[in-house]
Amino acid sequence: MRPLALGIAMGWICAAEAAGQTSPFCAAYTASPIYRPRLRQVPANPSNWIGLIEGALDGDEILLADGVYNLNQYAVQITKQITVRGASGNRAAVRVQGQGYGVGSEGFMIHAQNVTIADLTMTAIRNHAISIKGESGAEAPHVYNVHLYDIGTQHIKGTPGDGVGNGVVACSRIGYTPGGVRGDYINAIDIHRGIGWIVRDNEIY
């Protein structure tokens, strides 16, 4: 393993996944130490997912069925304390597909506390795949077992303002495919004024 300075903490990039291995610290999300039990499970599919996420209530767990989820708007706004994850636990089976590098867009825009994004893939988004808005109240976001690739600027962005504390990015892959869009900024993880973050067992490629 090698250390990676993120400006907010010292993370570790593990090459185990690149070698086809599974980290002993990367259990299935529902069996992981950061699993957040929710009050209500809400099944979603590619035809209704955006409305269910944006209209969710505190304590909802939005379970995305396997499939391709086309993102045809600027961003999906998350304003409640919820989880959005792939129902099967297989991140390769749930893909959030953006509009490509030529259209300004973000993926999930988080404005709330205690939001979890897990068990899914996001790609082809011009700006950020996961945008965490500290200035509008986001705190303690968890990102677990996701694959973020071919994103234009930062894959995970924590904006300034009040900053974002106590986040987790774990057991995930972040990078670019051969010949994929190369970003024009700093890529990967960029957290402004982050305090108390844990960044572990991720592969940056």
N, C-alpha and C. Protein backbone atom coordinates (compact mmCIF):
# COMPACT_ATOMS: atom_id res chain seq x y z
N MET A 1 0.85 -1.19 0.00
CA MET A 1 0.00 0.00 0.00
C MET A 1 0.88 1.24 0.00
N ARG A 2 0.34 2.35 -0.52
CA ARG A 2 1.10 3.58 -0.49
C ARG A 2 0.21 4.71 0.01
N PRO A 3 0.77 5.65 0.75
CA PRO A 3 -0.04 6.74 1.27
C PRO A 3 -0.42 7.72 0.18
N LEU A 4 -1.59 8.32 0.33
CA LEU A 4 -2.06 9.34 -0.61
C LEU A 4 -2.47 10.56 0.19
N ALA A 5 -1.80 11.67 -0.03
CA ALA A 5 -2.15 12.90 0.68
C ALA A 5 -3.34 13.54 0.00
N LEU A 6 -4.42 13.72 0.74
CA LEU A 6 -5.64 14.29 0.18
C LEU A 6 -5.87 15.72 0.65
N GLY A 7 -5.02 16.23 1.51
CA GLY A 7 -5.21 17.56 2.04
C GLY A 7 -6.10 17.58 3.27
N ILE A 8 -6.90 16.53 3.47
CA ILE A 8 -7.78 16.48 4.63
C ILE A 8 -7.38 15.36 5.57
N ALA A 9 -6.70 14.37 5.06
CA ALA A 9 -6.37 13.20 5.86
C ALA A 9 -5.34 12.41 5.10
N MET A 10 -4.88 11.34 5.69
CA MET A 10 -3.98 10.44 4.99
C MET A 10 -4.77 9.18 4.65
N GLY A 11 -5.02 8.99 3.38
CA GLY A 11 -5.75 7.81 2.95
C GLY A 11 -4.78 6.74 2.51
N TRP A 12 -5.30 5.57 2.23
CA TRP A 12 -4.48 4.48 1.73
C TRP A 12 -5.14 3.88 0.51
N ILE A 13 -4.37 3.71 -0.52
CA ILE A 13 -4.86 3.06 -1.72
C ILE A 13 -4.40 1.63 -1.69
N CYS A 14 -5.31 0.72 -1.83
CA CYS A 14 -4.98 -0.69 -1.76
C CYS A 14 -5.00 -1.28 -3.15
N ALA A 15 -3.94 -1.99 -3.52
CA ALA A 15 -3.84 -2.59 -4.85
C ALA A 15 -4.52 -3.94 -4.92
N ALA A 16 -5.11 -4.39 -3.83
CA ALA A 16 -5.69 -5.73 -3.81
C ALA A 16 -6.77 -5.89 -4.86
N GLU A 17 -7.64 -4.88 -5.00
CA GLU A 17 -8.74 -5.01 -5.95
C GLU A 17 -8.19 -5.06 -7.37
N ALA A 18 -7.17 -4.26 -7.65
CA ALA A 18 -6.60 -4.27 -8.98
C ALA A 18 -6.02 -5.64 -9.32
N ALA A 19 -5.61 -6.37 -8.30
CA ALA A 19 -5.06 -7.70 -8.51
C ALA A 19 -6.13 -8.78 -8.46
N GLY A 20 -7.39 -8.37 -8.39
CA GLY A 20 -8.49 -9.32 -8.37
C GLY A 20 -8.76 -9.89 -6.99
N GLN A 21 -8.24 -9.26 -5.95
CA GLN A 21 -8.45 -9.72 -4.60
C GLN A 21 -9.52 -8.87 -3.93
N THR A 22 -9.99 -9.35 -2.80
CA THR A 22 -10.97 -8.61 -2.02
C THR A 22 -10.35 -8.22 -0.69
N SER A 23 -10.43 -6.95 -0.35
CA SER A 23 -9.87 -6.50 0.92
C SER A 23 -10.63 -7.13 2.08
N PRO A 24 -9.91 -7.59 3.11
CA PRO A 24 -10.61 -8.14 4.28
C PRO A 24 -11.40 -7.08 5.04
N PHE A 25 -11.17 -5.81 4.69
CA PHE A 25 -11.86 -4.72 5.37
C PHE A 25 -13.05 -4.20 4.56
N CYS A 26 -13.40 -4.90 3.49
CA CYS A 26 -14.48 -4.45 2.60
C CYS A 26 -15.59 -5.49 2.54
N ALA A 27 -16.31 -5.60 3.63
CA ALA A 27 -17.48 -6.49 3.66
C ALA A 27 -18.58 -5.91 2.79
N ALA A 28 -19.57 -6.73 2.48
CA ALA A 28 -20.78 -6.21 1.82
C ALA A 28 -21.31 -5.04 2.65
N TYR A 29 -21.88 -4.05 1.96
CA TYR A 29 -22.30 -2.84 2.68
C TYR A 29 -23.20 -3.16 3.86
N THR A 30 -24.17 -4.04 3.68
CA THR A 30 -25.12 -4.32 4.76
C THR A 30 -24.47 -5.05 5.94
N ALA A 31 -23.27 -5.59 5.72
CA ALA A 31 -22.53 -6.25 6.80
C ALA A 31 -21.36 -5.42 7.29
N SER A 32 -21.21 -4.23 6.73
CA SER A 32 -20.05 -3.39 7.06
C SER A 32 -20.29 -2.59 8.34
N PRO A 33 -19.21 -2.13 8.96
CA PRO A 33 -19.38 -1.35 10.20
C PRO A 33 -20.00 0.02 9.98
N ILE A 34 -20.08 0.48 8.73
CA ILE A 34 -20.70 1.80 8.49
C ILE A 34 -22.13 1.68 7.95
N TYR A 35 -22.67 0.47 7.96
CA TYR A 35 -24.06 0.31 7.50
C TYR A 35 -25.00 1.16 8.36
N ARG A 36 -25.88 1.87 7.69
CA ARG A 36 -26.86 2.70 8.38
C ARG A 36 -28.26 2.10 8.19
N PRO A 37 -28.83 1.48 9.20
CA PRO A 37 -30.20 0.98 9.07
C PRO A 37 -31.16 2.15 8.84
N ARG A 38 -32.10 1.95 7.95
CA ARG A 38 -33.08 2.99 7.65
C ARG A 38 -34.48 2.54 8.04
N LEU A 39 -35.40 3.47 8.04
CA LEU A 39 -36.76 3.19 8.48
C LEU A 39 -37.60 2.51 7.42
N ARG A 40 -37.32 2.79 6.14
CA ARG A 40 -38.18 2.30 5.07
C ARG A 40 -37.34 2.00 3.84
N GLN A 41 -37.59 0.85 3.22
CA GLN A 41 -36.93 0.50 1.96
C GLN A 41 -37.86 0.82 0.80
N VAL A 42 -37.30 1.51 -0.20
CA VAL A 42 -38.09 1.96 -1.34
C VAL A 42 -37.47 1.42 -2.62
N PRO A 43 -38.08 0.41 -3.26
CA PRO A 43 -37.53 -0.11 -4.51
C PRO A 43 -37.63 0.93 -5.62
N ALA A 44 -36.59 0.98 -6.47
CA ALA A 44 -36.58 1.94 -7.58
C ALA A 44 -36.04 1.25 -8.82
N ASN A 45 -36.37 1.82 -9.98
CA ASN A 45 -35.91 1.27 -11.25
C ASN A 45 -35.55 2.43 -12.18
N PRO A 46 -35.02 2.15 -13.37
CA PRO A 46 -34.57 3.24 -14.24
C PRO A 46 -35.65 4.22 -14.68
N SER A 47 -36.91 3.89 -14.51
CA SER A 47 -37.97 4.81 -14.95
C SER A 47 -38.46 5.74 -13.84
N ASN A 48 -38.18 5.42 -12.58
CA ASN A 48 -38.75 6.25 -11.50
C ASN A 48 -37.74 6.69 -10.45
N TRP A 49 -36.47 6.40 -10.66
CA TRP A 49 -35.47 6.57 -9.61
C TRP A 49 -35.28 8.02 -9.18
N ILE A 50 -35.26 8.96 -10.14
CA ILE A 50 -34.98 10.35 -9.78
C ILE A 50 -36.10 10.91 -8.90
N GLY A 51 -37.33 10.67 -9.27
CA GLY A 51 -38.45 11.15 -8.47
C GLY A 51 -38.46 10.57 -7.07
N LEU A 52 -38.11 9.29 -6.94
CA LEU A 52 -38.10 8.66 -5.63
C LEU A 52 -36.99 9.21 -4.75
N ILE A 53 -35.83 9.48 -5.34
CA ILE A 53 -34.73 10.04 -4.56
C ILE A 53 -35.03 11.48 -4.15
N GLU A 54 -35.46 12.30 -5.10
CA GLU A 54 -35.70 13.71 -4.79
C GLU A 54 -36.92 13.91 -3.91
N GLY A 55 -37.84 12.95 -3.91
CA GLY A 55 -39.02 13.04 -3.06
C GLY A 55 -38.95 12.19 -1.81
N ALA A 56 -37.77 11.69 -1.49
CA ALA A 56 -37.61 10.78 -0.35
C ALA A 56 -37.84 11.50 0.98
N LEU A 57 -38.11 10.69 2.00
CA LEU A 57 -38.26 11.18 3.36
C LEU A 57 -37.03 10.78 4.17
N ASP A 58 -36.76 11.51 5.25
CA ASP A 58 -35.69 11.10 6.15
C ASP A 58 -35.88 9.64 6.54
N GLY A 59 -34.81 8.87 6.46
CA GLY A 59 -34.88 7.47 6.86
C GLY A 59 -35.20 6.51 5.73
N ASP A 60 -35.35 7.00 4.51
CA ASP A 60 -35.60 6.11 3.37
C ASP A 60 -34.29 5.48 2.88
N GLU A 61 -34.41 4.27 2.38
CA GLU A 61 -33.32 3.59 1.70
C GLU A 61 -33.81 3.27 0.29
N ILE A 62 -33.28 3.98 -0.69
CA ILE A 62 -33.69 3.80 -2.07
C ILE A 62 -32.87 2.67 -2.66
N LEU A 63 -33.53 1.59 -3.05
CA LEU A 63 -32.86 0.39 -3.55
C LEU A 63 -33.00 0.33 -5.06
N LEU A 64 -31.90 0.56 -5.76
CA LEU A 64 -31.91 0.59 -7.22
C LEU A 64 -31.79 -0.83 -7.78
N ALA A 65 -32.76 -1.23 -8.57
CA ALA A 65 -32.69 -2.52 -9.25
C ALA A 65 -31.54 -2.50 -10.26
N ASP A 66 -31.04 -3.67 -10.62
CA ASP A 66 -29.98 -3.74 -11.63
C ASP A 66 -30.45 -3.07 -12.92
N GLY A 67 -29.56 -2.32 -13.55
CA GLY A 67 -29.91 -1.66 -14.80
C GLY A 67 -29.07 -0.41 -15.04
N VAL A 68 -29.37 0.26 -16.14
CA VAL A 68 -28.70 1.51 -16.51
C VAL A 68 -29.65 2.67 -16.20
N TYR A 69 -29.16 3.64 -15.44
CA TYR A 69 -29.95 4.77 -14.99
C TYR A 69 -29.46 6.03 -15.70
N ASN A 70 -30.17 6.43 -16.73
CA ASN A 70 -29.76 7.59 -17.52
C ASN A 70 -30.07 8.88 -16.77
N LEU A 71 -29.04 9.70 -16.62
CA LEU A 71 -29.18 10.97 -15.92
C LEU A 71 -29.34 12.07 -16.96
N ASN A 72 -30.57 12.52 -17.16
CA ASN A 72 -30.87 13.49 -18.21
C ASN A 72 -31.23 14.87 -17.64
N GLN A 73 -30.71 15.18 -16.48
CA GLN A 73 -30.87 16.50 -15.89
C GLN A 73 -29.54 16.88 -15.24
N TYR A 74 -29.45 18.12 -14.74
CA TYR A 74 -28.15 18.58 -14.25
C TYR A 74 -27.63 17.72 -13.11
N ALA A 75 -28.49 17.39 -12.14
CA ALA A 75 -28.07 16.59 -10.99
C ALA A 75 -29.31 16.02 -10.32
N VAL A 76 -29.10 14.97 -9.53
CA VAL A 76 -30.15 14.43 -8.67
C VAL A 76 -29.94 15.04 -7.28
N GLN A 77 -30.94 15.78 -6.80
CA GLN A 77 -30.82 16.51 -5.54
C GLN A 77 -31.22 15.61 -4.37
N ILE A 78 -30.32 15.49 -3.39
CA ILE A 78 -30.60 14.71 -2.19
C ILE A 78 -30.69 15.68 -1.02
N THR A 79 -31.88 15.84 -0.46
CA THR A 79 -32.12 16.83 0.58
C THR A 79 -32.55 16.21 1.91
N LYS A 80 -32.59 14.89 1.98
CA LYS A 80 -32.99 14.20 3.20
C LYS A 80 -31.91 13.19 3.61
N GLN A 81 -32.00 12.72 4.84
CA GLN A 81 -31.04 11.74 5.36
C GLN A 81 -31.45 10.36 4.85
N ILE A 82 -30.86 9.95 3.73
CA ILE A 82 -31.26 8.71 3.06
C ILE A 82 -30.03 7.92 2.61
N THR A 83 -30.30 6.71 2.20
CA THR A 83 -29.32 5.87 1.51
C THR A 83 -29.80 5.64 0.09
N VAL A 84 -28.88 5.72 -0.87
CA VAL A 84 -29.14 5.32 -2.25
C VAL A 84 -28.13 4.23 -2.57
N ARG A 85 -28.61 3.04 -2.88
CA ARG A 85 -27.68 1.94 -3.15
C ARG A 85 -28.28 0.94 -4.12
N GLY A 86 -27.39 0.18 -4.74
CA GLY A 86 -27.83 -0.92 -5.58
C GLY A 86 -28.43 -2.03 -4.74
N ALA A 87 -29.60 -2.50 -5.11
CA ALA A 87 -30.29 -3.50 -4.30
C ALA A 87 -29.54 -4.82 -4.24
N SER A 88 -28.86 -5.18 -5.33
CA SER A 88 -28.18 -6.48 -5.38
C SER A 88 -26.85 -6.47 -4.65
N GLY A 89 -26.29 -5.30 -4.38
CA GLY A 89 -24.97 -5.21 -3.78
C GLY A 89 -23.84 -5.29 -4.78
N ASN A 90 -24.17 -5.56 -6.04
CA ASN A 90 -23.18 -5.65 -7.11
C ASN A 90 -23.07 -4.29 -7.80
N ARG A 91 -21.99 -3.57 -7.52
CA ARG A 91 -21.90 -2.21 -8.05
C ARG A 91 -21.83 -2.17 -9.57
N ALA A 92 -21.34 -3.23 -10.19
CA ALA A 92 -21.25 -3.26 -11.65
C ALA A 92 -22.62 -3.41 -12.31
N ALA A 93 -23.62 -3.83 -11.54
CA ALA A 93 -24.94 -4.10 -12.11
C ALA A 93 -25.86 -2.88 -12.11
N VAL A 94 -25.46 -1.82 -11.44
CA VAL A 94 -26.26 -0.59 -11.38
C VAL A 94 -25.38 0.55 -11.86
N ARG A 95 -25.69 1.09 -13.04
CA ARG A 95 -24.84 2.14 -13.62
C ARG A 95 -25.64 3.42 -13.84
N VAL A 96 -25.19 4.49 -13.20
CA VAL A 96 -25.75 5.82 -13.45
C VAL A 96 -24.95 6.43 -14.60
N GLN A 97 -25.62 6.65 -15.71
CA GLN A 97 -24.98 7.06 -16.96
C GLN A 97 -25.28 8.53 -17.22
N GLY A 98 -24.24 9.37 -17.22
CA GLY A 98 -24.43 10.78 -17.50
C GLY A 98 -24.52 11.09 -18.98
N GLN A 99 -24.51 12.38 -19.30
CA GLN A 99 -24.69 12.84 -20.68
C GLN A 99 -23.38 13.11 -21.40
N GLY A 100 -22.26 12.76 -20.77
CA GLY A 100 -20.98 12.93 -21.43
C GLY A 100 -20.28 14.22 -21.06
N TYR A 101 -19.08 14.37 -21.60
CA TYR A 101 -18.21 15.48 -21.23
C TYR A 101 -18.72 16.82 -21.75
N GLY A 102 -19.51 16.82 -22.80
CA GLY A 102 -19.91 18.07 -23.43
C GLY A 102 -21.06 18.79 -22.76
N VAL A 103 -21.71 18.17 -21.77
CA VAL A 103 -22.88 18.76 -21.12
C VAL A 103 -22.57 18.98 -19.65
N GLY A 104 -22.64 20.22 -19.19
CA GLY A 104 -22.40 20.50 -17.78
C GLY A 104 -23.39 19.76 -16.90
N SER A 105 -22.87 18.99 -15.94
CA SER A 105 -23.75 18.18 -15.11
C SER A 105 -23.00 17.65 -13.89
N GLU A 106 -23.77 17.24 -12.91
CA GLU A 106 -23.25 16.52 -11.75
C GLU A 106 -24.15 15.32 -11.55
N GLY A 107 -23.71 14.40 -10.70
CA GLY A 107 -24.49 13.20 -10.46
C GLY A 107 -25.42 13.39 -9.28
N PHE A 108 -25.02 12.89 -8.11
CA PHE A 108 -25.78 13.10 -6.89
C PHE A 108 -25.27 14.37 -6.21
N MET A 109 -26.17 15.30 -5.91
CA MET A 109 -25.82 16.52 -5.21
C MET A 109 -26.42 16.43 -3.81
N ILE A 110 -25.56 16.34 -2.81
CA ILE A 110 -25.98 16.06 -1.44
C ILE A 110 -26.06 17.35 -0.64
N HIS A 111 -27.24 17.61 -0.06
CA HIS A 111 -27.47 18.80 0.76
C HIS A 111 -27.80 18.43 2.21
N ALA A 112 -27.83 17.16 2.55
CA ALA A 112 -28.32 16.71 3.85
C ALA A 112 -27.22 15.99 4.64
N GLN A 113 -27.51 15.77 5.90
CA GLN A 113 -26.61 15.00 6.75
C GLN A 113 -26.84 13.50 6.59
N ASN A 114 -25.80 12.73 6.87
CA ASN A 114 -25.91 11.27 7.00
C ASN A 114 -26.47 10.59 5.76
N VAL A 115 -26.02 11.03 4.61
CA VAL A 115 -26.42 10.40 3.35
C VAL A 115 -25.40 9.33 2.99
N THR A 116 -25.87 8.20 2.49
CA THR A 116 -25.00 7.12 2.03
C THR A 116 -25.26 6.84 0.56
N ILE A 117 -24.18 6.70 -0.21
CA ILE A 117 -24.22 6.23 -1.59
C ILE A 117 -23.40 4.95 -1.64
N ALA A 118 -23.99 3.86 -2.11
CA ALA A 118 -23.28 2.58 -2.05
C ALA A 118 -23.70 1.65 -3.19
N ASP A 119 -22.80 0.74 -3.51
CA ASP A 119 -23.11 -0.41 -4.38
C ASP A 119 -23.60 -0.01 -5.77
N LEU A 120 -22.92 0.95 -6.39
CA LEU A 120 -23.31 1.35 -7.74
C LEU A 120 -22.12 1.95 -8.49
N THR A 121 -22.33 2.18 -9.79
CA THR A 121 -21.32 2.76 -10.67
C THR A 121 -21.86 4.06 -11.25
N MET A 122 -20.96 5.04 -11.45
CA MET A 122 -21.34 6.31 -12.08
C MET A 122 -20.29 6.66 -13.11
N THR A 123 -20.74 7.14 -14.29
CA THR A 123 -19.80 7.46 -15.35
C THR A 123 -20.36 8.53 -16.29
N ALA A 124 -19.46 9.11 -17.12
CA ALA A 124 -19.84 10.04 -18.19
C ALA A 124 -20.57 11.27 -17.68
N ILE A 125 -20.04 11.86 -16.60
CA ILE A 125 -20.62 13.06 -16.00
C ILE A 125 -19.59 14.17 -16.10
N ARG A 126 -19.97 15.33 -16.59
CA ARG A 126 -19.02 16.39 -16.90
C ARG A 126 -18.28 16.94 -15.68
N ASN A 127 -18.99 17.21 -14.60
CA ASN A 127 -18.35 17.87 -13.46
C ASN A 127 -18.04 16.88 -12.35
N HIS A 128 -18.96 16.64 -11.45
CA HIS A 128 -18.71 15.75 -10.32
C HIS A 128 -19.72 14.61 -10.32
N ALA A 129 -19.26 13.42 -9.94
CA ALA A 129 -20.20 12.31 -9.79
C ALA A 129 -20.99 12.46 -8.49
N ILE A 130 -20.28 12.77 -7.41
CA ILE A 130 -20.91 12.97 -6.11
C ILE A 130 -20.47 14.33 -5.59
N SER A 131 -21.40 15.25 -5.45
CA SER A 131 -21.12 16.62 -5.02
C SER A 131 -21.73 16.84 -3.65
N ILE A 132 -20.89 17.17 -2.67
CA ILE A 132 -21.32 17.25 -1.28
C ILE A 132 -21.30 18.72 -0.86
N LYS A 133 -22.46 19.27 -0.58
CA LYS A 133 -22.63 20.71 -0.39
C LYS A 133 -22.62 21.08 1.10
N GLY A 134 -21.44 21.34 1.63
CA GLY A 134 -21.33 21.75 3.02
C GLY A 134 -22.07 23.03 3.32
N GLU A 135 -22.10 23.94 2.36
CA GLU A 135 -22.76 25.23 2.57
C GLU A 135 -24.27 25.10 2.69
N SER A 136 -24.83 23.97 2.29
CA SER A 136 -26.28 23.78 2.43
C SER A 136 -26.62 22.67 3.42
N GLY A 137 -25.64 22.31 4.28
CA GLY A 137 -25.96 21.43 5.39
C GLY A 137 -25.45 20.01 5.32
N ALA A 138 -24.74 19.64 4.27
CA ALA A 138 -24.25 18.27 4.16
C ALA A 138 -23.19 17.99 5.22
N GLU A 139 -23.33 16.86 5.90
CA GLU A 139 -22.35 16.40 6.88
C GLU A 139 -22.38 14.87 6.91
N ALA A 140 -21.25 14.29 7.23
CA ALA A 140 -21.13 12.84 7.45
C ALA A 140 -21.64 12.01 6.27
N PRO A 141 -21.24 12.32 5.05
CA PRO A 141 -21.62 11.46 3.92
C PRO A 141 -20.78 10.20 3.91
N HIS A 142 -21.38 9.11 3.51
CA HIS A 142 -20.66 7.85 3.34
C HIS A 142 -20.74 7.42 1.88
N VAL A 143 -19.59 7.09 1.31
CA VAL A 143 -19.51 6.56 -0.05
C VAL A 143 -18.82 5.21 0.06
N TYR A 144 -19.52 4.14 -0.33
CA TYR A 144 -19.00 2.79 -0.07
C TYR A 144 -19.26 1.88 -1.27
N ASN A 145 -18.24 1.19 -1.68
CA ASN A 145 -18.35 0.22 -2.77
C ASN A 145 -18.99 0.83 -4.02
N VAL A 146 -18.42 1.95 -4.45
CA VAL A 146 -18.86 2.54 -5.71
C VAL A 146 -17.70 2.51 -6.71
N HIS A 147 -18.05 2.59 -7.97
CA HIS A 147 -17.06 2.71 -9.04
C HIS A 147 -17.39 3.99 -9.80
N LEU A 148 -16.49 4.95 -9.76
CA LEU A 148 -16.66 6.23 -10.43
C LEU A 148 -15.59 6.34 -11.49
N TYR A 149 -16.00 6.49 -12.76
CA TYR A 149 -14.98 6.56 -13.80
C TYR A 149 -15.41 7.49 -14.94
N ASP A 150 -14.38 8.01 -15.63
CA ASP A 150 -14.58 8.93 -16.76
C ASP A 150 -15.48 10.11 -16.37
N ILE A 151 -15.09 10.77 -15.29
CA ILE A 151 -15.76 11.96 -14.79
C ILE A 151 -14.91 13.18 -15.15
N GLY A 152 -15.54 14.29 -15.54
CA GLY A 152 -14.79 15.41 -16.09
C GLY A 152 -13.87 16.12 -15.13
N THR A 153 -14.34 16.43 -13.91
CA THR A 153 -13.46 17.10 -12.95
C THR A 153 -13.30 16.18 -11.74
N GLN A 154 -13.74 16.60 -10.57
CA GLN A 154 -13.58 15.69 -9.43
C GLN A 154 -14.68 14.64 -9.39
N HIS A 155 -14.28 13.43 -9.11
CA HIS A 155 -15.26 12.36 -8.98
C HIS A 155 -16.10 12.56 -7.71
N ILE A 156 -15.44 12.92 -6.61
CA ILE A 156 -16.12 13.24 -5.36
C ILE A 156 -15.68 14.64 -4.94
N LYS A 157 -16.63 15.54 -4.77
CA LYS A 157 -16.32 16.95 -4.47
C LYS A 157 -17.03 17.40 -3.21
N GLY A 158 -16.27 17.91 -2.25
CA GLY A 158 -16.84 18.57 -1.09
C GLY A 158 -16.62 20.06 -1.23
N THR A 159 -17.68 20.83 -1.39
CA THR A 159 -17.54 22.26 -1.64
C THR A 159 -17.21 23.00 -0.35
N PRO A 160 -16.68 24.23 -0.49
CA PRO A 160 -16.25 24.96 0.71
C PRO A 160 -17.39 25.46 1.55
N GLY A 161 -17.51 26.76 1.76
CA GLY A 161 -18.54 27.24 2.67
C GLY A 161 -18.21 26.80 4.08
N ASP A 162 -19.13 26.09 4.72
CA ASP A 162 -18.91 25.61 6.08
C ASP A 162 -18.07 24.35 6.13
N GLY A 163 -17.71 23.80 4.99
CA GLY A 163 -16.95 22.56 4.97
C GLY A 163 -17.85 21.36 5.25
N VAL A 164 -17.27 20.17 5.13
CA VAL A 164 -18.01 18.92 5.34
C VAL A 164 -17.18 18.05 6.28
N GLY A 165 -17.77 17.62 7.38
CA GLY A 165 -17.05 16.81 8.35
C GLY A 165 -17.51 15.37 8.39
N ASN A 166 -16.62 14.51 8.90
CA ASN A 166 -16.93 13.13 9.26
C ASN A 166 -17.44 12.29 8.10
N GLY A 167 -16.84 12.47 6.94
CA GLY A 167 -17.21 11.66 5.79
C GLY A 167 -16.39 10.38 5.72
N VAL A 168 -16.87 9.46 4.91
CA VAL A 168 -16.17 8.19 4.65
C VAL A 168 -16.20 7.92 3.15
N VAL A 169 -15.05 7.57 2.59
CA VAL A 169 -14.96 7.02 1.24
C VAL A 169 -14.19 5.72 1.37
N ALA A 170 -14.84 4.60 1.11
CA ALA A 170 -14.21 3.31 1.37
C ALA A 170 -14.58 2.28 0.31
N CYS A 171 -13.64 1.38 0.06
CA CYS A 171 -13.87 0.18 -0.74
C CYS A 171 -14.39 0.51 -2.14
N SER A 172 -13.82 1.54 -2.74
CA SER A 172 -14.32 2.05 -4.02
C SER A 172 -13.21 2.14 -5.05
N ARG A 173 -13.61 2.30 -6.32
CA ARG A 173 -12.67 2.51 -7.43
C ARG A 173 -12.97 3.86 -8.07
N ILE A 174 -11.91 4.60 -8.38
CA ILE A 174 -12.05 5.93 -8.97
C ILE A 174 -11.00 6.07 -10.05
N GLY A 175 -11.42 6.36 -11.29
CA GLY A 175 -10.40 6.50 -12.32
C GLY A 175 -10.94 6.71 -13.71
N TYR A 176 -10.14 6.27 -14.70
CA TYR A 176 -10.45 6.46 -16.11
C TYR A 176 -10.18 5.18 -16.88
N THR A 177 -11.03 4.90 -17.83
CA THR A 177 -10.81 3.77 -18.72
C THR A 177 -9.81 4.17 -19.80
N PRO A 178 -9.13 3.21 -20.41
CA PRO A 178 -8.23 3.54 -21.53
C PRO A 178 -8.99 4.27 -22.63
N GLY A 179 -8.51 5.44 -22.99
CA GLY A 179 -9.19 6.23 -24.00
C GLY A 179 -10.39 7.00 -23.50
N GLY A 180 -10.71 6.86 -22.21
CA GLY A 180 -11.84 7.58 -21.66
C GLY A 180 -11.55 9.05 -21.50
N VAL A 181 -12.56 9.82 -21.20
CA VAL A 181 -12.41 11.26 -21.04
C VAL A 181 -11.43 11.55 -19.92
N ARG A 182 -10.48 12.42 -20.19
CA ARG A 182 -9.55 12.86 -19.16
C ARG A 182 -10.03 14.20 -18.61
N GLY A 183 -10.07 14.30 -17.32
CA GLY A 183 -10.54 15.53 -16.71
C GLY A 183 -9.57 16.68 -16.91
N ASP A 184 -10.06 17.89 -16.69
CA ASP A 184 -9.22 19.07 -16.88
C ASP A 184 -8.97 19.81 -15.57
N TYR A 185 -9.15 19.11 -14.47
CA TYR A 185 -8.93 19.74 -13.18
C TYR A 185 -8.13 18.77 -12.33
N ILE A 186 -8.52 18.47 -11.08
CA ILE A 186 -7.63 17.66 -10.25
C ILE A 186 -8.11 16.23 -10.03
N ASN A 187 -9.35 15.93 -10.42
CA ASN A 187 -9.83 14.55 -10.41
C ASN A 187 -9.95 13.92 -9.02
N ALA A 188 -10.41 12.68 -9.00
CA ALA A 188 -10.48 11.85 -7.79
C ALA A 188 -11.28 12.53 -6.68
N ILE A 189 -10.66 12.78 -5.53
CA ILE A 189 -11.37 13.25 -4.34
C ILE A 189 -10.87 14.64 -3.96
N ASP A 190 -11.77 15.59 -3.84
CA ASP A 190 -11.40 16.96 -3.49
C ASP A 190 -12.38 17.46 -2.43
N ILE A 191 -11.93 17.52 -1.19
CA ILE A 191 -12.79 17.91 -0.08
C ILE A 191 -12.25 19.20 0.53
N HIS A 192 -13.01 20.28 0.43
CA HIS A 192 -12.61 21.54 1.04
C HIS A 192 -13.02 21.57 2.52
N ARG A 193 -12.10 22.02 3.36
CA ARG A 193 -12.37 22.19 4.79
C ARG A 193 -12.93 20.92 5.41
N GLY A 194 -12.40 19.78 5.00
CA GLY A 194 -12.86 18.51 5.55
C GLY A 194 -12.22 18.23 6.90
N ILE A 195 -13.01 17.77 7.85
CA ILE A 195 -12.53 17.42 9.18
C ILE A 195 -13.05 16.04 9.53
N GLY A 196 -12.15 15.18 10.02
CA GLY A 196 -12.58 13.88 10.54
C GLY A 196 -12.97 12.87 9.48
N TRP A 197 -12.38 12.98 8.30
CA TRP A 197 -12.71 12.04 7.23
C TRP A 197 -11.92 10.74 7.35
N ILE A 198 -12.52 9.65 6.86
CA ILE A 198 -11.84 8.37 6.70
C ILE A 198 -11.86 8.02 5.22
N VAL A 199 -10.68 7.83 4.64
CA VAL A 199 -10.55 7.43 3.24
C VAL A 199 -9.69 6.18 3.23
N ARG A 200 -10.28 5.03 2.89
CA ARG A 200 -9.54 3.77 3.05
C ARG A 200 -9.94 2.75 1.99
N ASP A 201 -9.01 1.86 1.70
CA ASP A 201 -9.27 0.69 0.86
C ASP A 201 -9.92 1.06 -0.47
N ASN A 202 -9.36 2.08 -1.11
CA ASN A 202 -9.84 2.50 -2.42
C ASN A 202 -8.75 2.28 -3.45
N GLU A 203 -9.16 2.11 -4.70
CA GLU A 203 -8.22 2.03 -5.81
C GLU A 203 -8.40 3.26 -6.69
N ILE A 204 -7.32 4.01 -6.89
CA ILE A 204 -7.31 5.15 -7.81
C ILE A 204 -6.52 4.74 -9.04
N TYR A 205 -7.12 4.84 -10.22
CA TYR A 205 -6.41 4.34 -11.41
C TYR A 205 -6.54 5.31 -12.57
